[in-house]
Amino acid sequence: MIEAIASHRMALHEGHASSRPLSEGYESVGLHGEFAFGEFCGAMPDISDRPSGDAGVDFVVPMLFTVDVKTARKANNLIHEAGKPLADIYVLAEFVDNKATLVGWEWGSKLAAAPVKDFGYGVQSHYIPREQLKPLAALACRLWRVR
């Protein structure tokens, strides 16, 4: 299912200025992270067609926060492109052996204040090393406290 959705998204965004495929299979990698977060918080990702993108938001946790899940094969840093719209919370996921595992999280405001670096793709991104991210247990407490 994830691969079919990823293929559809790639075709939908092909040729759009906002589309920037930085690695092979990036749509699939990202979707795996979104589904992993969905399992974590008890909500399924929004897989509806969004030809202009998702405005940097993968989830809206009811009455709480917007969440953007960043998934990478080498999840050494949580990154967010400088100057792009911010979500309330960013979650880092690592994609290994066709499976995404959540690593940690941080507030969008803190990520926006983090240093900026080009990781070799000509894109300036704010970043926080994975070792400095908040543990998922702290996010789980926030999510379940309001249910």
Protein backbone atom coordinates (compact mmCIF):
# COMPACT_ATOMS: atom_id res chain seq x y z
CA MET A 1 0.00 0.00 0.00
CA ILE A 2 2.74 2.48 0.93
CA GLU A 3 4.56 1.91 -2.36
CA ALA A 4 1.38 2.56 -4.36
CA ILE A 5 0.71 5.80 -2.49
CA ALA A 6 4.36 6.85 -2.96
CA SER A 7 4.21 6.22 -6.72
CA HIS A 8 0.99 8.21 -6.95
CA ARG A 9 2.51 11.13 -5.00
CA MET A 10 5.62 11.18 -7.19
CA ALA A 11 3.47 11.38 -10.34
CA LEU A 12 1.25 14.04 -8.77
CA HIS A 13 4.21 16.29 -7.87
CA GLU A 14 6.28 15.69 -11.00
CA GLY A 15 7.37 18.99 -12.52
CA HIS A 16 6.17 21.12 -9.58
CA ALA A 17 8.55 23.75 -8.24
CA SER A 18 8.03 22.48 -4.68
CA SER A 19 9.09 18.95 -5.63
CA ARG A 20 12.71 18.26 -4.80
CA PRO A 21 13.57 14.54 -4.96
CA LEU A 22 16.88 14.47 -3.05
CA SER A 23 17.16 10.69 -2.89
CA GLU A 24 15.78 7.65 -4.65
CA GLY A 25 12.49 6.49 -3.19
CA TYR A 26 12.10 9.60 -1.01
CA GLU A 27 8.29 9.48 -1.13
CA SER A 28 8.25 5.89 0.12
CA VAL A 29 10.79 6.63 2.86
CA GLY A 30 8.74 9.61 4.05
CA LEU A 31 5.48 7.67 4.02
CA HIS A 32 7.01 4.88 6.10
CA GLY A 33 7.89 7.51 8.72
CA GLU A 34 4.40 9.00 8.63
CA PHE A 35 2.80 5.58 9.10
CA ALA A 36 5.20 4.81 11.99
CA PHE A 37 4.15 8.06 13.68
CA GLY A 38 0.50 7.22 12.98
CA GLU A 39 0.91 3.93 14.85
CA PHE A 40 2.62 5.79 17.70
CA CYS A 41 -0.10 8.40 18.16
CA GLY A 42 -3.13 6.39 17.07
CA ALA A 43 -3.93 8.42 13.95
CA MET A 44 -3.49 7.51 10.31
CA PRO A 45 -1.60 9.86 8.00
CA ASP A 46 -3.58 12.02 5.60
CA ILE A 47 -2.94 10.40 2.22
CA SER A 48 -5.27 12.65 0.22
CA ASP A 49 -3.94 14.23 -2.97
CA ARG A 50 -2.19 17.52 -2.35
CA PRO A 51 -0.66 18.62 -5.67
CA SER A 52 0.84 21.73 -4.05
CA GLY A 53 2.26 19.80 -1.07
CA ASP A 54 1.19 19.55 2.56
CA ALA A 55 2.47 22.97 3.73
CA GLY A 56 4.91 21.18 6.01
CA VAL A 57 2.25 19.40 8.07
CA ASP A 58 1.81 15.62 8.11
CA PHE A 59 -0.57 15.40 11.10
CA VAL A 60 -2.81 17.65 13.14
CA VAL A 61 -3.21 16.03 16.52
CA PRO A 62 -6.75 17.09 17.54
CA MET A 63 -6.78 20.19 19.73
CA LEU A 64 -3.01 20.03 20.12
CA PHE A 65 -0.30 20.39 17.53
CA THR A 66 0.72 20.18 13.91
CA VAL A 67 3.38 17.52 13.34
CA ASP A 68 5.89 17.05 10.51
CA VAL A 69 7.68 13.70 10.38
CA LYS A 70 11.17 13.79 8.82
CA THR A 71 12.36 10.35 7.73
CA ALA A 72 15.86 9.52 6.49
CA ARG A 73 17.98 6.50 5.74
CA LYS A 74 20.80 8.10 7.71
CA ALA A 75 18.88 9.88 10.43
CA ASN A 76 21.81 11.66 12.05
CA ASN A 77 20.03 15.02 12.26
CA LEU A 78 16.50 16.35 12.39
CA ILE A 79 16.43 18.87 9.53
CA HIS A 80 14.01 21.49 8.21
CA GLU A 81 14.63 23.69 5.20
CA ALA A 82 15.32 27.29 6.24
CA GLY A 83 12.53 29.69 5.35
CA LYS A 84 9.84 27.01 4.91
CA PRO A 85 6.61 27.02 6.98
CA LEU A 86 6.93 25.50 10.43
CA ALA A 87 4.92 22.82 12.17
CA ASP A 88 4.55 22.85 15.96
CA ILE A 89 6.45 19.57 16.40
CA TYR A 90 9.05 17.72 14.31
CA VAL A 91 9.64 13.99 14.66
CA LEU A 92 12.72 12.23 13.28
CA ALA A 93 12.33 8.70 11.92
CA GLU A 94 15.01 6.37 10.57
CA PHE A 95 14.31 4.11 7.57
CA VAL A 96 16.22 0.78 7.66
CA ASP A 97 15.32 -2.56 6.03
CA ASN A 98 12.06 -1.19 4.61
CA LYS A 99 10.85 -0.09 8.07
CA ALA A 100 10.73 3.30 9.78
CA THR A 101 11.53 3.68 13.46
CA LEU A 102 10.85 6.88 15.37
CA VAL A 103 14.01 8.38 16.90
CA GLY A 104 13.03 11.54 18.80
CA TRP A 105 11.28 14.88 18.52
CA GLU A 106 11.62 18.64 19.03
CA TRP A 107 9.48 21.78 19.01
CA GLY A 108 9.38 23.60 15.67
CA SER A 109 10.38 26.86 17.35
CA LYS A 110 13.57 25.25 18.67
CA LEU A 111 14.38 23.72 15.27
CA ALA A 112 13.85 27.13 13.62
CA ALA A 113 16.41 28.61 16.03
CA ALA A 114 18.97 25.84 15.40
CA PRO A 115 22.08 26.33 13.24
CA VAL A 116 21.80 26.18 9.44
CA LYS A 117 23.88 23.95 7.16
CA ASP A 118 23.91 22.65 3.58
CA PHE A 119 24.06 18.85 3.78
CA GLY A 120 25.34 18.58 0.20
CA TYR A 121 22.18 19.18 -1.84
CA GLY A 122 22.33 22.97 -2.16
CA VAL A 123 19.57 23.37 0.46
CA GLN A 124 20.13 25.37 3.64
CA SER A 125 18.48 23.52 6.54
CA HIS A 126 18.19 24.06 10.26
CA TYR A 127 19.37 20.96 12.09
CA ILE A 128 19.52 19.33 15.49
CA PRO A 129 21.67 16.20 16.02
CA ARG A 130 19.61 13.13 16.91
CA GLU A 131 21.38 12.80 20.28
CA GLN A 132 19.88 16.16 21.31
CA LEU A 133 16.27 15.29 20.49
CA LYS A 134 13.62 14.80 23.13
CA PRO A 135 12.64 11.17 23.85
CA LEU A 136 9.39 9.90 22.39
CA ALA A 137 8.11 9.08 25.89
CA ALA A 138 7.89 12.84 26.55
CA LEU A 139 5.78 13.30 23.42
CA ALA A 140 3.61 10.31 24.29
CA CYS A 141 2.85 11.85 27.69
CA ARG A 142 1.70 15.08 25.98
CA LEU A 143 -0.49 13.19 23.51
CA TRP A 144 -2.16 10.89 25.99
CA ARG A 145 -2.59 13.48 28.74
CA VAL A 146 -5.21 15.34 26.68
CA ARG A 147 -7.19 12.31 25.48
